[in-house]
Structure formats: C-alpha cells, structure tokens
C-alpha atoms as a PDB file:
ATOM      1  CA  MET A   1      -1.101 -12.074   7.051  1.00  0.00           C
ATOM      2  CA  VAL A   2      -2.411  -8.692   5.929  1.00  0.00           C
ATOM      3  CA  ASP A   3      -0.174  -6.299   4.024  1.00  0.00           C
ATOM      4  CA  TYR A   4      -0.668  -3.214   1.933  1.00  0.00           C
ATOM      5  CA  VAL A   5       1.180  -2.454  -1.260  1.00  0.00           C
ATOM      6  CA  ILE A   6       1.794   1.030  -2.585  1.00  0.00           C
ATOM      7  CA  HIS A   7       2.653   1.145  -6.250  1.00  0.00           C
ATOM      8  CA  HIS A   8       4.879   4.240  -6.323  1.00  0.00           C
ATOM      9  CA  VAL A   9       5.360   6.375  -9.443  1.00  0.00           C
ATOM     10  CA  LYS A  10       9.038   6.533 -10.418  1.00  0.00           C
ATOM     11  CA  ALA A  11      10.834   9.290 -12.343  1.00  0.00           C
ATOM     12  CA  ASN A  12      10.135   7.509 -15.662  1.00  0.00           C
ATOM     13  CA  GLY A  13       6.357   7.342 -14.874  1.00  0.00           C
ATOM     14  CA  LYS A  14       6.235   3.588 -14.279  1.00  0.00           C
ATOM     15  CA  LEU A  15       4.695   2.090 -11.143  1.00  0.00           C
ATOM     16  CA  VAL A  16       6.880   0.083  -8.774  1.00  0.00           C
ATOM     17  CA  PRO A  17       5.273  -1.883  -5.895  1.00  0.00           C
ATOM     18  CA  LYS A  18       6.499  -1.720  -2.272  1.00  0.00           C
ATOM     19  CA  VAL A  19       4.958  -4.075   0.314  1.00  0.00           C
ATOM     20  CA  PHE A  20       4.376  -2.836   3.842  1.00  0.00           C
ATOM     21  CA  LYS A  21       3.396  -5.221   6.656  1.00  0.00           C
ATOM     22  CA  LEU A  22       0.160  -4.585   8.602  1.00  0.00           C
ATOM     23  CA  THR A  23      -0.721  -7.514  10.849  1.00  0.00           C
ATOM     24  CA  ARG A  24      -0.748 -11.261  11.268  1.00  0.00           C
ATOM     25  CA  LYS A  25      -3.865 -12.755  12.865  1.00  0.00           C
ATOM     26  CA  THR A  26      -5.927 -15.958  12.636  1.00  0.00           C
ATOM     27  CA  LEU A  27      -9.639 -15.377  12.113  1.00  0.00           C
ATOM     28  CA  SER A  28     -12.557 -17.734  12.485  1.00  0.00           C
ATOM     29  CA  ALA A  29     -14.954 -18.264   9.559  1.00  0.00           C
ATOM     30  CA  GLY A  30     -17.099 -15.156   9.178  1.00  0.00           C
ATOM     31  CA  GLU A  31     -15.080 -13.145  11.692  1.00  0.00           C
ATOM     32  CA  ILE A  32     -14.464  -9.510  10.723  1.00  0.00           C
ATOM     33  CA  MET A  33     -11.333  -7.503  11.537  1.00  0.00           C
ATOM     34  CA  ASN A  34     -11.075  -3.724  11.128  1.00  0.00           C
ATOM     35  CA  ILE A  35      -7.672  -2.198  10.473  1.00  0.00           C
ATOM     36  CA  VAL A  36      -6.799   1.467  10.515  1.00  0.00           C
ATOM     37  CA  LYS A  37      -3.424   2.613   9.240  1.00  0.00           C
ATOM     38  CA  THR A  38      -1.837   5.917   8.251  1.00  0.00           C
ATOM     39  CA  HIS A  39       1.075   6.133   5.831  1.00  0.00           C
ATOM     40  CA  SER A  40       3.502   9.052   5.682  1.00  0.00           C
ATOM     41  CA  PHE A  41       4.810  10.471   2.422  1.00  0.00           C
ATOM     42  CA  ARG A  42       7.367  12.754   4.091  1.00  0.00           C
ATOM     43  CA  SER A  43      10.786  12.986   2.452  1.00  0.00           C
ATOM     44  CA  ILE A  44      13.217  10.227   3.390  1.00  0.00           C
ATOM     45  CA  SER A  45      16.723   9.513   2.193  1.00  0.00           C
ATOM     46  CA  THR A  46      15.927   6.082   0.714  1.00  0.00           C
ATOM     47  CA  ARG A  47      12.958   7.011  -1.461  1.00  0.00           C
ATOM     48  CA  ARG A  48      11.971   9.976  -3.605  1.00  0.00           C
ATOM     49  CA  TYR A  49       8.272  10.555  -4.098  1.00  0.00           C
ATOM     50  CA  TYR A  50       6.951  11.784  -7.434  1.00  0.00           C
ATOM     51  CA  THR A  51       3.624  13.411  -8.088  1.00  0.00           C
ATOM     52  CA  GLY A  52       1.033  11.549 -10.099  1.00  0.00           C
ATOM     53  CA  ASN A  53      -1.359   8.604  -9.907  1.00  0.00           C
ATOM     54  CA  HIS A  54      -0.284   5.938  -7.415  1.00  0.00           C
ATOM     55  CA  VAL A  55      -2.079   2.689  -6.447  1.00  0.00           C
ATOM     56  CA  LEU A  56      -2.871   1.268  -3.032  1.00  0.00           C
ATOM     57  CA  GLU A  57      -3.546  -2.484  -2.891  1.00  0.00           C
ATOM     58  CA  ILE A  58      -4.623  -4.727   0.012  1.00  0.00           C
ATOM     59  CA  GLN A  59      -2.919  -8.076   0.171  1.00  0.00           C
ATOM     60  CA  VAL A  60      -4.104 -11.018   2.310  1.00  0.00           C
ATOM     61  CA  ASN A  61      -1.940 -14.154   2.601  1.00  0.00           C
ATOM     62  CA  GLY A  62       0.074 -12.986  -0.413  1.00  0.00           C
ATOM     63  CA  THR A  63      -2.923 -12.510  -2.708  1.00  0.00           C
ATOM     64  CA  GLY A  64      -3.800  -9.018  -3.888  1.00  0.00           C
ATOM     65  CA  TYR A  65      -7.393  -7.928  -3.543  1.00  0.00           C
ATOM     66  CA  LYS A  66      -8.754  -4.376  -3.624  1.00  0.00           C
ATOM     67  CA  LYS A  67      -6.825  -1.723  -5.581  1.00  0.00           C
ATOM     68  CA  VAL A  68      -7.498   1.991  -5.197  1.00  0.00           C
ATOM     69  CA  ASN A  69      -5.940   4.750  -7.267  1.00  0.00           C
ATOM     70  CA  PHE A  70      -4.888   7.999  -5.609  1.00  0.00           C
ATOM     71  CA  GLU A  71      -3.078  11.090  -6.758  1.00  0.00           C
ATOM     72  CA  LEU A  72      -0.001  12.388  -4.939  1.00  0.00           C
ATOM     73  CA  LYS A  73       0.345  16.158  -5.208  1.00  0.00           C
ATOM     74  CA  THR A  74       3.034  18.554  -3.996  1.00  0.00           C
END
C-alpha cells in the first residue's frame, strides 16, 4: 500500500497530517514502480489552506519514508 501524507499548516502554525491513498500493488523483490500524482490546493469547503512551510511524506505499508518540505504561497 502506497500513500502520501501532507502535513498541512493550520491557523495556529502547527502541522497536521492528512493521509491520501495512492495505490495498492504487490511487487517482486527488486521490482521498481513509478508513480506520478498531482495534488490540488484549490479552495474547498472542508479545508482551509494557509501559507507557509508544509511537508510531503511518502508512506509504504504504513511506514513513513521520505519527507520533503515545500512552501505554499498565495
């Protein structure tokens, strides 16, 4: 199971994680899988986006791996 987690900045400046599902696939030993995904930050009624430093994390089988910081601007 491959997911991605975006740690969103809230109004108080703290980061809150939200898990988004990517794919579920069984791989053989040494097999490589490439995944391409876009994520929209358009305004929605259930979440308000705040500017600042957010974090993107890749999660495989429930274990977090690579984290990348990014800045959300207006």
